[in-house]
Amino acid sequence: MPSNPGQRHQTRGLTEGAILAALTVVVGAVGLVAPFVGILLAPLPTMLLVIRWGLRTAVLAAVVAGLILFQFFGPLNAVSVAAMFAPLGLALGWGVWRGIGAQLTILAGAAAFLASTVAALAITTLVLHQDLLGQFIQSQVQAMQLALSLQQRIGAPPQQIDEMRKTIAIMPQFLHTALPVMLALGALIWAYLCYTVARAVLRRVGHELPGVPPILAWRLPPVLASTLLWIAAGLSLLSLRITAGNAPAMDAMLVNLFVFGFQGALVAITWANRRQIPRFIQVMAGVLLITAGLLPIFALAVLGMLDTWFDYRRLLVAPASEQPTADSDLSDGGPPQDPLKAVHPR
């Protein structure tokens, strides 16, 4: 008597789920040594299971992988690794499975990764009595103290030494205040990187994921930009009357500084690309700009705010050497093209 096709299909999904769960454990174990590799690669098997067999099989495989990690590497490592791969892979796979587009898929993955990270931190603090946040802040302060001692040995100016001491003194409070923004931005960046890696890897096994628009074409909608600015302004005014509003106002300012500073950096990169400035010089200029203090970063943020409404990247015209001439158009046999449309298709 022939076997049931539905049962055979379910058995195949469970078998593939077991194999990919084992692969997740291997990648997760590697991630304990190299967290960067673990965050990028561990969600991929779970993501592939969601795309091929749905959420139920993927959740079961993620639970099995977590239990295996718990058995061999202990509860703390199991919780941390599971928080890295399971929710992020499930959310990214769900977004691809439902066809909601690359941008919304990345946002869903970032939200899941952020929620799982917060939950993992709460579990390690309340159940396992491990203060990971305190250890992180302490490590950052110790790193700054080592940098201070190094500058003292090489004979740095006294004014620079005093400024660094003041920075070390306020760093614990600043990190506590900025931690929500750091976690949210980190989750968004990791979700984007993981989706980019998944798109390149899953293409080789027959799953074509929708592409993300080029970074230089990313734009913040004016409505969202206005909302961010008004929220920051309202919280800043509230902090003048209520002391408890200082932390939310600082977080809102950091979000605006990052978002609009990133927009301003895209304008600067577009300008440099139009003038054929080498990438190495662009990278060096960016490093110098970031390490020069807050004033250049504020300047980039202002440039990004203006770009939101005036679209400087669209207004930038390619240099004359890049513009096609009449002779080149005739030799190619095609009609003249608008250089703006050639660079920024709409």
Protein backbone atom coordinates (compact mmCIF):
# COMPACT_ATOMS: atom_id res chain seq x y z
CA MET A 1 0.00 0.00 0.00
CA PRO A 2 1.49 3.44 -0.94
CA SER A 3 2.58 5.68 1.87
CA ASN A 4 0.72 8.86 2.74
CA PRO A 5 2.27 11.84 0.85
CA GLY A 6 1.43 14.22 3.68
CA GLN A 7 3.10 12.02 6.27
CA ARG A 8 6.15 11.58 4.03
CA HIS A 9 6.32 15.35 3.57
CA GLN A 10 6.15 15.90 7.35
CA THR A 11 8.82 13.28 8.00
CA ARG A 12 11.10 14.93 5.47
CA GLY A 13 10.63 18.31 7.17
CA LEU A 14 11.45 16.86 10.60
CA THR A 15 14.52 15.12 9.22
CA GLU A 16 15.77 18.29 7.62
CA GLY A 17 14.98 20.16 10.84
CA ALA A 18 17.11 17.71 12.86
CA ILE A 19 20.03 18.12 10.47
CA LEU A 20 19.82 21.91 10.52
CA ALA A 21 19.41 21.89 14.31
CA ALA A 22 22.70 19.99 14.57
CA LEU A 23 24.29 22.49 12.19
CA THR A 24 22.97 25.31 14.37
CA VAL A 25 24.61 23.74 17.42
CA VAL A 26 27.95 23.54 15.62
CA VAL A 27 27.77 27.15 14.45
CA GLY A 28 26.58 28.26 17.88
CA ALA A 29 29.54 26.51 19.51
CA VAL A 30 31.84 28.36 17.13
CA GLY A 31 30.01 31.56 18.08
CA LEU A 32 31.06 31.09 21.72
CA VAL A 33 34.64 31.62 20.56
CA ALA A 34 33.86 34.15 17.78
CA PRO A 35 30.54 35.89 18.60
CA PHE A 36 30.61 37.84 15.33
CA VAL A 37 30.52 34.59 13.34
CA GLY A 38 27.83 33.11 15.56
CA ILE A 39 25.44 36.03 15.23
CA LEU A 40 25.79 36.13 11.46
CA LEU A 41 25.67 32.41 10.67
CA ALA A 42 23.73 30.69 13.49
CA PRO A 43 20.33 32.17 12.47
CA LEU A 44 20.66 30.87 8.88
CA PRO A 45 19.56 27.22 9.47
CA THR A 46 16.52 28.37 11.46
CA MET A 47 15.71 30.95 8.78
CA LEU A 48 15.94 28.30 6.05
CA LEU A 49 13.63 25.97 8.01
CA VAL A 50 10.96 28.67 8.29
CA ILE A 51 11.15 29.37 4.56
CA ARG A 52 10.95 25.68 3.60
CA TRP A 53 8.76 24.10 6.28
CA GLY A 54 7.10 26.88 8.28
CA LEU A 55 7.36 28.19 11.82
CA ARG A 56 6.37 25.02 13.64
CA THR A 57 9.27 22.90 12.39
CA ALA A 58 11.72 25.79 12.82
CA VAL A 59 10.66 26.45 16.43
CA LEU A 60 11.01 22.75 17.25
CA ALA A 61 14.51 22.64 15.74
CA ALA A 62 15.52 25.81 17.63
CA VAL A 63 14.32 24.28 20.93
CA VAL A 64 16.29 21.09 20.24
CA ALA A 65 19.40 23.11 19.40
CA GLY A 66 19.02 25.12 22.60
CA LEU A 67 18.68 21.95 24.72
CA ILE A 68 21.80 20.46 23.14
CA LEU A 69 23.74 23.65 23.85
CA PHE A 70 22.43 23.58 27.43
CA GLN A 71 23.64 19.98 27.85
CA PHE A 72 27.17 20.59 26.58
CA PHE A 73 27.94 24.26 27.35
CA GLY A 74 25.85 25.13 30.40
CA PRO A 75 22.86 27.40 30.97
CA LEU A 76 24.57 30.78 30.54
CA ASN A 77 26.10 29.92 27.17
CA ALA A 78 22.93 28.19 26.01
CA VAL A 79 20.77 31.21 26.85
CA SER A 80 23.17 33.67 25.22
CA VAL A 81 23.58 31.63 22.01
CA ALA A 82 19.87 30.81 21.75
CA ALA A 83 19.05 34.51 22.12
CA MET A 84 21.40 35.22 19.22
CA PHE A 85 20.15 32.73 16.63
CA ALA A 86 16.59 31.57 17.39
CA PRO A 87 14.41 34.73 17.44
CA LEU A 88 16.46 36.47 14.75
CA GLY A 89 16.33 33.47 12.42
CA LEU A 90 12.62 32.91 13.06
CA ALA A 91 11.73 36.54 12.40
CA LEU A 92 13.83 36.86 9.25
CA GLY A 93 12.51 33.56 7.91
CA TRP A 94 8.93 34.58 8.70
CA GLY A 95 9.38 37.87 6.82
CA VAL A 96 10.72 36.06 3.74
CA TRP A 97 8.04 33.37 4.02
CA ARG A 98 5.24 35.96 4.15
CA GLY A 99 6.81 38.11 1.43
CA ILE A 100 6.70 41.40 3.34
CA GLY A 101 9.81 42.83 1.66
CA ALA A 102 13.43 43.23 2.65
CA GLN A 103 13.04 46.38 4.76
CA LEU A 104 10.15 45.12 6.89
CA THR A 105 11.85 41.73 7.23
CA ILE A 106 14.98 43.37 8.63
CA LEU A 107 12.89 45.49 11.02
CA ALA A 108 11.06 42.36 12.21
CA GLY A 109 14.37 40.60 12.75
CA ALA A 110 15.77 43.59 14.65
CA ALA A 111 12.69 43.74 16.90
CA ALA A 112 12.91 40.01 17.64
CA PHE A 113 16.65 40.19 18.29
CA LEU A 114 16.20 43.19 20.61
CA ALA A 115 13.40 41.49 22.55
CA SER A 116 15.40 38.26 22.91
CA THR A 117 18.49 40.18 24.04
CA VAL A 118 16.55 42.03 26.73
CA ALA A 119 14.94 38.77 27.86
CA ALA A 120 18.31 37.01 27.96
CA LEU A 121 19.80 39.84 30.04
CA ALA A 122 16.84 39.66 32.44
CA ILE A 123 17.19 35.88 32.81
CA THR A 124 20.92 36.03 33.44
CA THR A 125 20.41 38.76 36.03
CA LEU A 126 17.35 37.42 37.89
CA VAL A 127 17.83 33.66 37.59
CA LEU A 128 21.55 33.08 37.04
CA HIS A 129 22.63 36.14 39.10
CA GLN A 130 25.08 37.29 36.42
CA ASP A 131 25.30 41.08 35.96
CA LEU A 132 26.32 41.16 32.30
CA LEU A 133 25.55 44.87 31.95
CA GLY A 134 27.71 45.74 34.93
CA GLN A 135 30.52 43.61 33.56
CA PHE A 136 30.24 45.31 30.17
CA ILE A 137 30.36 48.80 31.69
CA GLN A 138 33.28 47.82 33.92
CA SER A 139 35.21 46.47 30.94
CA GLN A 140 34.69 49.71 29.03
CA VAL A 141 35.89 51.78 31.98
CA GLN A 142 38.95 49.57 32.39
CA ALA A 143 39.75 49.96 28.70
CA MET A 144 39.59 53.74 29.02
CA GLN A 145 41.81 53.60 32.11
CA LEU A 146 44.39 51.56 30.20
CA ALA A 147 44.28 54.13 27.41
CA LEU A 148 44.76 56.88 29.99
CA SER A 149 47.80 55.18 31.51
CA LEU A 150 49.26 54.67 28.03
CA GLN A 151 48.88 58.36 27.21
CA GLN A 152 50.51 59.28 30.49
CA ARG A 153 53.50 57.08 29.64
CA ILE A 154 54.00 58.59 26.20
CA GLY A 155 53.80 62.12 27.62
CA ALA A 156 50.42 63.35 26.38
CA PRO A 157 49.51 67.00 27.13
CA PRO A 158 48.04 67.56 30.63
CA GLN A 159 44.87 69.07 29.18
CA GLN A 160 44.21 65.90 27.18
CA ILE A 161 44.82 63.77 30.27
CA ASP A 162 42.32 65.84 32.28
CA GLU A 163 39.68 65.55 29.56
CA MET A 164 40.06 61.77 29.49
CA ARG A 165 39.75 61.58 33.27
CA LYS A 166 36.50 63.54 33.11
CA THR A 167 35.26 61.19 30.39
CA ILE A 168 36.08 58.14 32.50
CA ALA A 169 34.24 59.67 35.45
CA ILE A 170 30.98 60.14 33.55
CA MET A 171 31.22 57.01 31.39
CA PRO A 172 29.32 54.60 33.72
CA GLN A 173 26.33 56.94 33.97
CA PHE A 174 26.41 57.65 30.24
CA LEU A 175 26.50 53.95 29.34
CA HIS A 176 23.57 53.22 31.65
CA THR A 177 21.58 56.00 30.00
CA ALA A 178 22.54 55.20 26.41
CA LEU A 179 22.19 51.42 26.75
CA PRO A 180 18.64 51.21 25.29
CA VAL A 181 19.73 53.13 22.19
CA MET A 182 22.88 51.05 21.84
CA LEU A 183 20.89 47.81 22.07
CA ALA A 184 18.28 48.98 19.54
CA LEU A 185 20.83 50.24 17.02
CA GLY A 186 22.96 47.14 17.51
CA ALA A 187 19.96 44.89 16.87
CA LEU A 188 19.13 46.79 13.68
CA ILE A 189 22.71 46.56 12.39
CA TRP A 190 23.01 42.84 13.19
CA ALA A 191 19.66 42.08 11.54
CA TYR A 192 20.77 43.90 8.39
CA LEU A 193 24.13 42.11 8.30
CA CYS A 194 22.53 38.73 8.95
CA TYR A 195 19.95 39.29 6.19
CA THR A 196 22.70 40.32 3.77
CA VAL A 197 24.72 37.18 4.55
CA ALA A 198 21.58 35.02 4.34
CA ARG A 199 20.73 36.44 0.92
CA ALA A 200 24.17 35.51 -0.40
CA VAL A 201 24.16 32.02 1.18
CA LEU A 202 20.56 30.94 0.53
CA ARG A 203 20.82 31.96 -3.10
CA ARG A 204 23.18 29.01 -3.55
CA VAL A 205 20.53 26.55 -2.32
CA GLY A 206 17.77 27.89 -4.55
CA HIS A 207 16.11 30.54 -2.37
CA GLU A 208 16.29 34.04 -3.84
CA LEU A 209 15.63 36.66 -1.15
CA PRO A 210 14.48 40.17 -2.08
CA GLY A 211 17.32 42.65 -2.23
CA VAL A 212 17.87 45.71 -0.06
CA PRO A 213 18.20 49.07 -1.87
CA PRO A 214 21.78 50.40 -2.12
CA ILE A 215 22.90 52.17 1.04
CA LEU A 216 23.55 55.45 -0.79
CA ALA A 217 19.89 55.46 -1.85
CA TRP A 218 18.54 55.12 1.70
CA ARG A 219 16.38 58.05 2.71
CA LEU A 220 14.43 58.91 5.85
CA PRO A 221 10.79 59.83 5.11
CA PRO A 222 10.12 63.48 6.06
CA VAL A 223 7.21 62.45 8.30
CA LEU A 224 9.42 60.09 10.31
CA ALA A 225 12.20 62.69 10.46
CA SER A 226 9.78 65.31 11.80
CA THR A 227 8.47 62.83 14.37
CA LEU A 228 11.97 62.10 15.65
CA LEU A 229 12.79 65.79 15.95
CA TRP A 230 9.54 66.67 17.73
CA ILE A 231 9.94 63.77 20.18
CA ALA A 232 13.48 64.87 21.01
CA ALA A 233 12.37 68.49 21.45
CA GLY A 234 9.43 67.50 23.68
CA LEU A 235 11.54 65.26 25.90
CA SER A 236 14.22 67.95 26.18
CA LEU A 237 11.64 70.46 27.38
CA LEU A 238 10.23 67.88 29.79
CA SER A 239 13.69 67.22 31.23
CA LEU A 240 13.94 70.91 32.19
CA ARG A 241 11.00 70.47 34.59
CA ILE A 242 11.26 66.79 35.58
CA THR A 243 14.58 65.20 36.49
CA ALA A 244 13.35 61.74 35.48
CA GLY A 245 13.09 62.96 31.90
CA ASN A 246 16.85 63.39 31.52
CA ALA A 247 17.51 59.79 30.44
CA PRO A 248 14.73 59.64 27.79
CA ALA A 249 15.81 63.04 26.46
CA MET A 250 19.40 61.84 26.16
CA ASP A 251 18.28 58.66 24.37
CA ALA A 252 16.15 60.66 21.93
CA MET A 253 19.06 62.98 21.21
CA LEU A 254 21.37 60.02 20.55
CA VAL A 255 18.85 58.46 18.16
CA ASN A 256 18.58 61.72 16.20
CA LEU A 257 22.34 62.15 16.21
CA PHE A 258 22.88 58.66 14.82
CA VAL A 259 20.06 58.72 12.24
CA PHE A 260 20.72 62.18 10.83
CA GLY A 261 24.49 61.79 11.15
CA PHE A 262 24.21 58.66 9.03
CA GLN A 263 22.17 60.60 6.46
CA GLY A 264 24.83 63.32 6.42
CA ALA A 265 27.55 60.72 5.94
CA LEU A 266 25.69 59.40 2.89
CA VAL A 267 25.66 62.91 1.43
CA ALA A 268 29.41 63.22 2.01
CA ILE A 269 30.09 59.82 0.44
CA THR A 270 27.94 60.70 -2.58
CA TRP A 271 29.85 63.96 -3.03
CA ALA A 272 33.19 62.14 -2.76
CA ASN A 273 32.13 59.44 -5.22
CA ARG A 274 31.05 62.04 -7.76
CA ARG A 275 34.51 63.57 -7.59
CA GLN A 276 36.22 60.19 -7.81
CA ILE A 277 37.96 60.47 -4.45
CA PRO A 278 39.57 57.08 -3.62
CA ARG A 279 37.79 54.91 -1.07
CA PHE A 280 40.88 54.70 1.12
CA ILE A 281 40.93 58.49 1.52
CA GLN A 282 37.19 58.46 2.24
CA VAL A 283 37.64 55.88 5.00
CA MET A 284 40.54 57.78 6.56
CA ALA A 285 38.54 61.03 6.46
CA GLY A 286 35.59 59.28 8.11
CA VAL A 287 37.75 57.90 10.93
CA LEU A 288 39.30 61.31 11.55
CA LEU A 289 35.87 62.92 11.51
CA ILE A 290 34.39 60.51 14.03
CA THR A 291 37.37 60.74 16.40
CA ALA A 292 37.61 64.54 16.20
CA GLY A 293 34.86 65.14 18.76
CA LEU A 294 31.17 65.93 18.83
CA LEU A 295 31.25 69.08 16.69
CA PRO A 296 31.93 67.30 13.35
CA ILE A 297 29.27 64.70 14.19
CA PHE A 298 26.75 67.47 14.92
CA ALA A 299 27.67 69.04 11.57
CA LEU A 300 26.96 65.73 9.81
CA ALA A 301 23.63 65.47 11.63
CA VAL A 302 22.62 68.97 10.51
CA LEU A 303 23.59 68.07 6.95
CA GLY A 304 21.47 64.93 7.21
CA MET A 305 18.48 66.93 8.46
CA LEU A 306 18.74 69.30 5.51
CA ASP A 307 19.16 66.40 3.10
CA THR A 308 15.86 64.94 4.30
CA TRP A 309 13.93 67.88 2.87
CA PHE A 310 16.25 69.30 0.17
CA ASP A 311 17.66 66.00 -1.16
CA TYR A 312 21.27 67.13 -1.60
CA ARG A 313 22.22 63.74 -3.02
CA ARG A 314 19.85 64.40 -5.90
CA LEU A 315 21.11 67.94 -6.39
CA LEU A 316 24.76 66.92 -6.54
CA VAL A 317 25.80 67.05 -10.18
CA ALA A 318 28.50 64.73 -11.55
CA PRO A 319 31.77 66.44 -12.51
CA ALA A 320 32.30 67.44 -16.12
CA SER A 321 34.75 64.56 -16.71
CA GLU A 322 31.97 62.05 -15.96
CA GLN A 323 29.32 63.70 -18.13
CA PRO A 324 28.88 62.07 -21.55
CA THR A 325 29.83 64.17 -24.56
CA ALA A 326 28.06 64.33 -27.88
CA ASP A 327 30.86 62.37 -29.60
CA SER A 328 30.65 59.53 -27.10
CA ASP A 329 26.87 59.38 -27.46
CA LEU A 330 27.18 59.18 -31.26
CA SER A 331 29.90 56.54 -31.08
CA ASP A 332 27.78 54.36 -28.80
CA GLY A 333 24.86 54.73 -31.08
CA GLY A 334 22.50 55.75 -28.28
CA PRO A 335 20.70 58.97 -27.36
CA PRO A 336 22.19 61.39 -24.82
CA GLN A 337 21.35 60.58 -21.22
CA ASP A 338 20.71 62.81 -18.23
CA PRO A 339 23.61 62.20 -15.79
CA LEU A 340 21.31 62.65 -12.79
CA LYS A 341 18.94 59.96 -14.03
CA ALA A 342 21.86 57.69 -14.81
CA VAL A 343 23.14 57.91 -11.25
CA HIS A 344 19.85 58.13 -9.32
CA PRO A 345 17.09 56.30 -11.16
CA ARG A 346 13.69 56.98 -9.74
